[in-house]
Amino acid sequence: MSEADALELLRAAIWTIIIGSGPAVAAAMFVGLIIALFQALTQVQEATLTFVPKIIAVFIALTIGAPFIASQIHTFTEDIYSRIEKGH
């Protein structure tokens, strides 16, 4: 395996992680933004108010996005195995 191949695998792994974590991060950011707006408008500054809605949103996003995340991981794994099989 050359240095270019190793860097390509590292790039693909990082991209897979970013794409796979995207739905959960986006859901947490969206809910956090809505709750921050609600807290700013009502002046309710309770720190624990953000945790439960974010956890629920991330759980729902992961439940809905699980097939997409699994397909991304599956594609990456197939790429790795094909490179091993070819001897690269």
PDB file of N, CA and C in Angstrom:
ATOM      1  N   MET A   1       0.853  -1.168   0.000  1.00  0.00           N
ATOM      2  CA  MET A   1       0.000   0.000   0.000  1.00  0.00           C
ATOM      3  C   MET A   1       0.903   1.236   0.000  1.00  0.00           C
ATOM      4  N   SER A   2       0.627   2.108  -0.922  1.00  0.00           N
ATOM      5  CA  SER A   2       1.425   3.323  -1.016  1.00  0.00           C
ATOM      6  C   SER A   2       0.872   4.398  -0.077  1.00  0.00           C
ATOM      7  N   GLU A   3       1.620   5.459   0.026  1.00  0.00           N
ATOM      8  CA  GLU A   3       1.195   6.569   0.867  1.00  0.00           C
ATOM      9  C   GLU A   3      -0.070   7.222   0.319  1.00  0.00           C
ATOM     10  N   ALA A   4      -0.182   7.292  -0.999  1.00  0.00           N
ATOM     11  CA  ALA A   4      -1.379   7.873  -1.616  1.00  0.00           C
ATOM     12  C   ALA A   4      -2.615   7.035  -1.322  1.00  0.00           C
ATOM     13  N   ASP A   5      -2.460   5.706  -1.341  1.00  0.00           N
ATOM     14  CA  ASP A   5      -3.592   4.823  -1.025  1.00  0.00           C
ATOM     15  C   ASP A   5      -4.028   4.994   0.430  1.00  0.00           C
ATOM     16  N   ALA A   6      -3.048   5.090   1.329  1.00  0.00           N
ATOM     17  CA  ALA A   6      -3.374   5.273   2.747  1.00  0.00           C
ATOM     18  C   ALA A   6      -4.085   6.605   2.976  1.00  0.00           C
ATOM     19  N   LEU A   7      -3.627   7.651   2.320  1.00  0.00           N
ATOM     20  CA  LEU A   7      -4.285   8.950   2.454  1.00  0.00           C
ATOM     21  C   LEU A   7      -5.686   8.931   1.863  1.00  0.00           C
ATOM     22  N   GLU A   8      -5.873   8.209   0.772  1.00  0.00           N
ATOM     23  CA  GLU A   8      -7.206   8.093   0.168  1.00  0.00           C
ATOM     24  C   GLU A   8      -8.157   7.346   1.111  1.00  0.00           C
ATOM     25  N   LEU A   9      -7.671   6.294   1.749  1.00  0.00           N
ATOM     26  CA  LEU A   9      -8.499   5.563   2.710  1.00  0.00           C
ATOM     27  C   LEU A   9      -8.835   6.433   3.915  1.00  0.00           C
ATOM     28  N   LEU A  10      -7.879   7.202   4.376  1.00  0.00           N
ATOM     29  CA  LEU A  10      -8.121   8.103   5.497  1.00  0.00           C
ATOM     30  C   LEU A  10      -9.147   9.161   5.122  1.00  0.00           C
ATOM     31  N   ARG A  11      -9.038   9.717   3.910  1.00  0.00           N
ATOM     32  CA  ARG A  11      -9.997  10.705   3.439  1.00  0.00           C
ATOM     33  C   ARG A  11     -11.395  10.105   3.353  1.00  0.00           C
ATOM     34  N   ALA A  12     -11.492   8.886   2.808  1.00  0.00           N
ATOM     35  CA  ALA A  12     -12.789   8.222   2.692  1.00  0.00           C
ATOM     36  C   ALA A  12     -13.377   7.909   4.067  1.00  0.00           C
ATOM     37  N   ALA A  13     -12.535   7.518   5.018  1.00  0.00           N
ATOM     38  CA  ALA A  13     -13.017   7.222   6.372  1.00  0.00           C
ATOM     39  C   ALA A  13     -13.542   8.477   7.051  1.00  0.00           C
ATOM     40  N   ILE A  14     -12.810   9.577   6.935  1.00  0.00           N
ATOM     41  CA  ILE A  14     -13.268  10.825   7.553  1.00  0.00           C
ATOM     42  C   ILE A  14     -14.552  11.300   6.898  1.00  0.00           C
ATOM     43  N   TRP A  15     -14.643  11.191   5.578  1.00  0.00           N
ATOM     44  CA  TRP A  15     -15.860  11.614   4.881  1.00  0.00           C
ATOM     45  C   TRP A  15     -17.048  10.753   5.307  1.00  0.00           C
ATOM     46  N   THR A  16     -16.841   9.445   5.472  1.00  0.00           N
ATOM     47  CA  THR A  16     -17.909   8.549   5.921  1.00  0.00           C
ATOM     48  C   THR A  16     -18.373   8.929   7.324  1.00  0.00           C
ATOM     49  N   ILE A  17     -17.452   9.277   8.193  1.00  0.00           N
ATOM     50  CA  ILE A  17     -17.812   9.697   9.551  1.00  0.00           C
ATOM     51  C   ILE A  17     -18.626  10.986   9.511  1.00  0.00           C
ATOM     52  N   ILE A  18     -18.196  11.938   8.685  1.00  0.00           N
ATOM     53  CA  ILE A  18     -18.916  13.215   8.594  1.00  0.00           C
ATOM     54  C   ILE A  18     -20.324  13.002   8.052  1.00  0.00           C
ATOM     55  N   ILE A  19     -20.447  12.229   6.989  1.00  0.00           N
ATOM     56  CA  ILE A  19     -21.765  11.971   6.394  1.00  0.00           C
ATOM     57  C   ILE A  19     -22.641  11.152   7.342  1.00  0.00           C
ATOM     58  N   GLY A  20     -22.049  10.172   8.016  1.00  0.00           N
ATOM     59  CA  GLY A  20     -22.822   9.328   8.925  1.00  0.00           C
ATOM     60  C   GLY A  20     -23.315  10.056  10.160  1.00  0.00           C
ATOM     61  N   SER A  21     -22.538  11.006  10.645  1.00  0.00           N
ATOM     62  CA  SER A  21     -22.963  11.744  11.835  1.00  0.00           C
ATOM     63  C   SER A  21     -23.806  12.966  11.491  1.00  0.00           C
ATOM     64  N   GLY A  22     -23.916  13.289  10.231  1.00  0.00           N
ATOM     65  CA  GLY A  22     -24.647  14.472   9.790  1.00  0.00           C
ATOM     66  C   GLY A  22     -26.085  14.578  10.268  1.00  0.00           C
ATOM     67  N   PRO A  23     -26.901  13.531  10.110  1.00  0.00           N
ATOM     68  CA  PRO A  23     -28.299  13.651  10.545  1.00  0.00           C
ATOM     69  C   PRO A  23     -28.454  13.953  12.040  1.00  0.00           C
ATOM     70  N   ALA A  24     -27.675  13.294  12.873  1.00  0.00           N
ATOM     71  CA  ALA A  24     -27.780  13.523  14.322  1.00  0.00           C
ATOM     72  C   ALA A  24     -27.291  14.919  14.697  1.00  0.00           C
ATOM     73  N   VAL A  25     -26.197  15.345  14.113  1.00  0.00           N
ATOM     74  CA  VAL A  25     -25.660  16.675  14.417  1.00  0.00           C
ATOM     75  C   VAL A  25     -26.618  17.761  13.934  1.00  0.00           C
ATOM     76  N   ALA A  26     -27.167  17.578  12.739  1.00  0.00           N
ATOM     77  CA  ALA A  26     -28.107  18.569  12.203  1.00  0.00           C
ATOM     78  C   ALA A  26     -29.356  18.668  13.073  1.00  0.00           C
ATOM     79  N   ALA A  27     -29.867  17.523  13.526  1.00  0.00           N
ATOM     80  CA  ALA A  27     -31.048  17.542  14.387  1.00  0.00           C
ATOM     81  C   ALA A  27     -30.754  18.243  15.708  1.00  0.00           C
ATOM     82  N   ALA A  28     -29.599  17.948  16.302  1.00  0.00           N
ATOM     83  CA  ALA A  28     -29.233  18.584  17.574  1.00  0.00           C
ATOM     84  C   ALA A  28     -29.042  20.089  17.395  1.00  0.00           C
ATOM     85  N   MET A  29     -28.438  20.489  16.286  1.00  0.00           N
ATOM     86  CA  MET A  29     -28.243  21.922  16.044  1.00  0.00           C
ATOM     87  C   MET A  29     -29.578  22.635  15.836  1.00  0.00           C
ATOM     88  N   PHE A  30     -30.470  22.018  15.084  1.00  0.00           N
ATOM     89  CA  PHE A  30     -31.762  22.638  14.819  1.00  0.00           C
ATOM     90  C   PHE A  30     -32.572  22.799  16.104  1.00  0.00           C
ATOM     91  N   VAL A  31     -32.652  21.734  16.888  1.00  0.00           N
ATOM     92  CA  VAL A  31     -33.398  21.798  18.148  1.00  0.00           C
ATOM     93  C   VAL A  31     -32.735  22.772  19.114  1.00  0.00           C
ATOM     94  N   GLY A  32     -31.412  22.779  19.157  1.00  0.00           N
ATOM     95  CA  GLY A  32     -30.713  23.725  20.016  1.00  0.00           C
ATOM     96  C   GLY A  32     -30.980  25.174  19.625  1.00  0.00           C
ATOM     97  N   LEU A  33     -31.044  25.427  18.329  1.00  0.00           N
ATOM     98  CA  LEU A  33     -31.346  26.774  17.852  1.00  0.00           C
ATOM     99  C   LEU A  33     -32.767  27.191  18.227  1.00  0.00           C
ATOM    100  N   ILE A  34     -33.719  26.292  18.063  1.00  0.00           N
ATOM    101  CA  ILE A  34     -35.113  26.585  18.415  1.00  0.00           C
ATOM    102  C   ILE A  34     -35.243  26.841  19.917  1.00  0.00           C
ATOM    103  N   ILE A  35     -34.604  26.020  20.720  1.00  0.00           N
ATOM    104  CA  ILE A  35     -34.693  26.190  22.177  1.00  0.00           C
ATOM    105  C   ILE A  35     -33.984  27.465  22.612  1.00  0.00           C
ATOM    106  N   ALA A  36     -32.849  27.788  22.000  1.00  0.00           N
ATOM    107  CA  ALA A  36     -32.157  29.029  22.333  1.00  0.00           C
ATOM    108  C   ALA A  36     -33.022  30.237  21.978  1.00  0.00           C
ATOM    109  N   LEU A  37     -33.702  30.156  20.854  1.00  0.00           N
ATOM    110  CA  LEU A  37     -34.614  31.241  20.472  1.00  0.00           C
ATOM    111  C   LEU A  37     -35.764  31.351  21.476  1.00  0.00           C
ATOM    112  N   PHE A  38     -36.323  30.213  21.870  1.00  0.00           N
ATOM    113  CA  PHE A  38     -37.396  30.199  22.866  1.00  0.00           C
ATOM    114  C   PHE A  38     -36.917  30.788  24.193  1.00  0.00           C
ATOM    115  N   GLN A  39     -35.712  30.399  24.616  1.00  0.00           N
ATOM    116  CA  GLN A  39     -35.174  30.922  25.873  1.00  0.00           C
ATOM    117  C   GLN A  39     -34.903  32.417  25.793  1.00  0.00           C
ATOM    118  N   ALA A  40     -34.463  32.885  24.646  1.00  0.00           N
ATOM    119  CA  ALA A  40     -34.202  34.318  24.494  1.00  0.00           C
ATOM    120  C   ALA A  40     -35.503  35.122  24.488  1.00  0.00           C
ATOM    121  N   LEU A  41     -36.528  34.561  23.865  1.00  0.00           N
ATOM    122  CA  LEU A  41     -37.803  35.274  23.798  1.00  0.00           C
ATOM    123  C   LEU A  41     -38.533  35.284  25.135  1.00  0.00           C
ATOM    124  N   THR A  42     -38.447  34.205  25.888  1.00  0.00           N
ATOM    125  CA  THR A  42     -39.182  34.123  27.152  1.00  0.00           C
ATOM    126  C   THR A  42     -38.314  34.454  28.364  1.00  0.00           C
ATOM    127  N   GLN A  43     -37.038  34.606  28.167  1.00  0.00           N
ATOM    128  CA  GLN A  43     -36.073  34.870  29.231  1.00  0.00           C
ATOM    129  C   GLN A  43     -36.068  33.772  30.294  1.00  0.00           C
ATOM    130  N   VAL A  44     -36.356  32.552  29.871  1.00  0.00           N
ATOM    131  CA  VAL A  44     -36.237  31.377  30.743  1.00  0.00           C
ATOM    132  C   VAL A  44     -34.839  30.826  30.510  1.00  0.00           C
ATOM    133  N   GLN A  45     -33.963  30.966  31.455  1.00  0.00           N
ATOM    134  CA  GLN A  45     -32.570  30.552  31.281  1.00  0.00           C
ATOM    135  C   GLN A  45     -32.271  29.277  32.067  1.00  0.00           C
ATOM    136  N   GLU A  46     -33.052  28.267  31.847  1.00  0.00           N
ATOM    137  CA  GLU A  46     -32.850  26.983  32.512  1.00  0.00           C
ATOM    138  C   GLU A  46     -31.899  26.134  31.663  1.00  0.00           C
ATOM    139  N   ALA A  47     -30.776  25.752  32.222  1.00  0.00           N
ATOM    140  CA  ALA A  47     -29.749  25.020  31.467  1.00  0.00           C
ATOM    141  C   ALA A  47     -30.192  23.610  31.105  1.00  0.00           C
ATOM    142  N   THR A  48     -31.017  22.990  31.934  1.00  0.00           N
ATOM    143  CA  THR A  48     -31.421  21.617  31.674  1.00  0.00           C
ATOM    144  C   THR A  48     -32.540  21.518  30.644  1.00  0.00           C
ATOM    145  N   LEU A  49     -33.109  22.642  30.244  1.00  0.00           N
ATOM    146  CA  LEU A  49     -34.207  22.631  29.277  1.00  0.00           C
ATOM    147  C   LEU A  49     -33.773  22.107  27.920  1.00  0.00           C
ATOM    148  N   THR A  50     -32.517  22.226  27.574  1.00  0.00           N
ATOM    149  CA  THR A  50     -32.062  21.839  26.237  1.00  0.00           C
ATOM    150  C   THR A  50     -31.775  20.353  26.103  1.00  0.00           C
ATOM    151  N   PHE A  51     -31.506  19.658  27.190  1.00  0.00           N
ATOM    152  CA  PHE A  51     -31.025  18.286  27.085  1.00  0.00           C
ATOM    153  C   PHE A  51     -32.063  17.305  26.568  1.00  0.00           C
ATOM    154  N   VAL A  52     -33.223  17.265  27.148  1.00  0.00           N
ATOM    155  CA  VAL A  52     -34.222  16.260  26.782  1.00  0.00           C
ATOM    156  C   VAL A  52     -34.695  16.432  25.336  1.00  0.00           C
ATOM    157  N   PRO A  53     -35.056  17.635  24.893  1.00  0.00           N
ATOM    158  CA  PRO A  53     -35.454  17.758  23.484  1.00  0.00           C
ATOM    159  C   PRO A  53     -34.341  17.394  22.500  1.00  0.00           C
ATOM    160  N   LYS A  54     -33.097  17.726  22.836  1.00  0.00           N
ATOM    161  CA  LYS A  54     -31.986  17.363  21.952  1.00  0.00           C
ATOM    162  C   LYS A  54     -31.805  15.852  21.886  1.00  0.00           C
ATOM    163  N   ILE A  55     -31.900  15.195  23.030  1.00  0.00           N
ATOM    164  CA  ILE A  55     -31.751  13.738  23.056  1.00  0.00           C
ATOM    165  C   ILE A  55     -32.858  13.076  22.240  1.00  0.00           C
ATOM    166  N   ILE A  56     -34.071  13.557  22.392  1.00  0.00           N
ATOM    167  CA  ILE A  56     -35.190  13.001  21.631  1.00  0.00           C
ATOM    168  C   ILE A  56     -35.002  13.253  20.138  1.00  0.00           C
ATOM    169  N   ALA A  57     -34.573  14.468  19.777  1.00  0.00           N
ATOM    170  CA  ALA A  57     -34.362  14.792  18.361  1.00  0.00           C
ATOM    171  C   ALA A  57     -33.252  13.940  17.751  1.00  0.00           C
ATOM    172  N   VAL A  58     -32.168  13.749  18.486  1.00  0.00           N
ATOM    173  CA  VAL A  58     -31.070  12.922  17.977  1.00  0.00           C
ATOM    174  C   VAL A  58     -31.528  11.474  17.831  1.00  0.00           C
ATOM    175  N   PHE A  59     -32.279  10.969  18.783  1.00  0.00           N
ATOM    176  CA  PHE A  59     -32.788   9.605  18.695  1.00  0.00           C
ATOM    177  C   PHE A  59     -33.698   9.438  17.474  1.00  0.00           C
ATOM    178  N   ILE A  60     -34.591  10.389  17.254  1.00  0.00           N
ATOM    179  CA  ILE A  60     -35.484  10.317  16.095  1.00  0.00           C
ATOM    180  C   ILE A  60     -34.686  10.414  14.797  1.00  0.00           C
ATOM    181  N   ALA A  61     -33.711  11.325  14.752  1.00  0.00           N
ATOM    182  CA  ALA A  61     -32.890  11.470  13.545  1.00  0.00           C
ATOM    183  C   ALA A  61     -32.100  10.197  13.255  1.00  0.00           C
ATOM    184  N   LEU A  62     -31.568   9.576  14.299  1.00  0.00           N
ATOM    185  CA  LEU A  62     -30.830   8.331  14.091  1.00  0.00           C
ATOM    186  C   LEU A  62     -31.755   7.197  13.674  1.00  0.00           C
ATOM    187  N   THR A  63     -32.954   7.177  14.217  1.00  0.00           N
ATOM    188  CA  THR A  63     -33.913   6.143  13.833  1.00  0.00           C
ATOM    189  C   THR A  63     -34.319   6.295  12.363  1.00  0.00           C
ATOM    190  N   ILE A  64     -34.599   7.516  11.959  1.00  0.00           N
ATOM    191  CA  ILE A  64     -34.998   7.753  10.572  1.00  0.00           C
ATOM    192  C   ILE A  64     -33.807   7.606   9.624  1.00  0.00           C
ATOM    193  N   GLY A  65     -32.630   8.084  10.049  1.00  0.00           N
ATOM    194  CA  GLY A  65     -31.461   8.060   9.177  1.00  0.00           C
ATOM    195  C   GLY A  65     -30.641   6.794   9.229  1.00  0.00           C
ATOM    196  N   ALA A  66     -31.047   5.810  10.006  1.00  0.00           N
ATOM    197  CA  ALA A  66     -30.270   4.577  10.150  1.00  0.00           C
ATOM    198  C   ALA A  66     -30.013   3.864   8.821  1.00  0.00           C
ATOM    199  N   PRO A  67     -31.004   3.728   7.936  1.00  0.00           N
ATOM    200  CA  PRO A  67     -30.696   3.070   6.651  1.00  0.00           C
ATOM    201  C   PRO A  67     -29.650   3.832   5.826  1.00  0.00           C
ATOM    202  N   PHE A  68     -29.735   5.146   5.828  1.00  0.00           N
ATOM    203  CA  PHE A  68     -28.763   5.957   5.098  1.00  0.00           C
ATOM    204  C   PHE A  68     -27.366   5.810   5.694  1.00  0.00           C
ATOM    205  N   ILE A  69     -27.268   5.884   7.017  1.00  0.00           N
ATOM    206  CA  ILE A  69     -25.974   5.753   7.689  1.00  0.00           C
ATOM    207  C   ILE A  69     -25.393   4.365   7.437  1.00  0.00           C
ATOM    208  N   ALA A  70     -26.229   3.354   7.530  1.00  0.00           N
ATOM    209  CA  ALA A  70     -25.763   1.981   7.292  1.00  0.00           C
ATOM    210  C   ALA A  70     -25.290   1.793   5.854  1.00  0.00           C
ATOM    211  N   SER A  71     -25.972   2.412   4.902  1.00  0.00           N
ATOM    212  CA  SER A  71     -25.536   2.282   3.510  1.00  0.00           C
ATOM    213  C   SER A  71     -24.199   2.963   3.280  1.00  0.00           C
ATOM    214  N   GLN A  72     -23.963   4.088   3.942  1.00  0.00           N
ATOM    215  CA  GLN A  72     -22.672   4.763   3.818  1.00  0.00           C
ATOM    216  C   GLN A  72     -21.543   3.906   4.402  1.00  0.00           C
ATOM    217  N   ILE A  73     -21.791   3.315   5.557  1.00  0.00           N
ATOM    218  CA  ILE A  73     -20.782   2.452   6.181  1.00  0.00           C
ATOM    219  C   ILE A  73     -20.564   1.199   5.341  1.00  0.00           C
ATOM    220  N   HIS A  74     -21.645   0.663   4.779  1.00  0.00           N
ATOM    221  CA  HIS A  74     -21.546  -0.525   3.933  1.00  0.00           C
ATOM    222  C   HIS A  74     -20.723  -0.233   2.683  1.00  0.00           C
ATOM    223  N   THR A  75     -20.958   0.905   2.063  1.00  0.00           N
ATOM    224  CA  THR A  75     -20.196   1.294   0.872  1.00  0.00           C
ATOM    225  C   THR A  75     -18.718   1.444   1.198  1.00  0.00           C
ATOM    226  N   PHE A  76     -18.411   2.085   2.316  1.00  0.00           N
ATOM    227  CA  PHE A  76     -17.018   2.247   2.729  1.00  0.00           C
ATOM    228  C   PHE A  76     -16.370   0.892   2.994  1.00  0.00           C
ATOM    229  N   THR A  77     -17.090   0.009   3.670  1.00  0.00           N
ATOM    230  CA  THR A  77     -16.548  -1.317   3.976  1.00  0.00           C
ATOM    231  C   THR A  77     -16.303  -2.115   2.704  1.00  0.00           C
ATOM    232  N   GLU A  78     -17.225  -2.045   1.757  1.00  0.00           N
ATOM    233  CA  GLU A  78     -17.014  -2.733   0.475  1.00  0.00           C
ATOM    234  C   GLU A  78     -15.789  -2.189  -0.246  1.00  0.00           C
ATOM    235  N   ASP A  79     -15.580  -0.895  -0.185  1.00  0.00           N
ATOM    236  CA  ASP A  79     -14.399  -0.293  -0.810  1.00  0.00           C
ATOM    237  C   ASP A  79     -13.122  -0.807  -0.159  1.00  0.00           C
ATOM    238  N   ILE A  80     -13.123  -0.886   1.156  1.00  0.00           N
ATOM    239  CA  ILE A  80     -11.944  -1.388   1.872  1.00  0.00           C
ATOM    240  C   ILE A  80     -11.669  -2.841   1.494  1.00  0.00           C
ATOM    241  N   TYR A  81     -12.715  -3.660   1.505  1.00  0.00           N
ATOM    242  CA  TYR A  81     -12.530  -5.079   1.166  1.00  0.00           C
ATOM    243  C   TYR A  81     -12.098  -5.274  -0.279  1.00  0.00           C
ATOM    244  N   SER A  82     -12.602  -4.459  -1.177  1.00  0.00           N
ATOM    245  CA  SER A  82     -12.185  -4.593  -2.581  1.00  0.00           C
ATOM    246  C   SER A  82     -10.713  -4.193  -2.737  1.00  0.00           C
ATOM    247  N   ARG A  83     -10.269  -3.211  -1.975  1.00  0.00           N
ATOM    248  CA  ARG A  83      -8.855  -2.829  -2.027  1.00  0.00           C
ATOM    249  C   ARG A  83      -7.977  -3.933  -1.446  1.00  0.00           C
ATOM    250  N   ILE A  84      -8.432  -4.591  -0.395  1.00  0.00           N
ATOM    251  CA  ILE A  84      -7.678  -5.698   0.184  1.00  0.00           C
ATOM    252  C   ILE A  84      -7.611  -6.845  -0.814  1.00  0.00           C
ATOM    253  N   GLU A  85      -8.739  -7.117  -1.469  1.00  0.00           N
ATOM    254  CA  GLU A  85      -8.796  -8.213  -2.415  1.00  0.00           C
ATOM    255  C   GLU A  85      -7.862  -7.987  -3.616  1.00  0.00           C
ATOM    256  N   LYS A  86      -7.798  -6.739  -4.070  1.00  0.00           N
ATOM    257  CA  LYS A  86      -6.944  -6.401  -5.208  1.00  0.00           C
ATOM    258  C   LYS A  86      -5.474  -6.292  -4.813  1.00  0.00           C
ATOM    259  N   GLY A  87      -5.216  -6.176  -3.531  1.00  0.00           N
ATOM    260  CA  GLY A  87      -3.841  -6.070  -3.058  1.00  0.00           C
ATOM    261  C   GLY A  87      -3.308  -4.665  -3.027  1.00  0.00           C
ATOM    262  N   HIS A  88      -4.174  -3.679  -3.028  1.00  0.00           N
ATOM    263  CA  HIS A  88      -3.718  -2.276  -2.999  1.00  0.00           C
ATOM    264  C   HIS A  88      -3.495  -1.830  -1.605  1.00  0.00           C
TER     265      HIS A  88
END
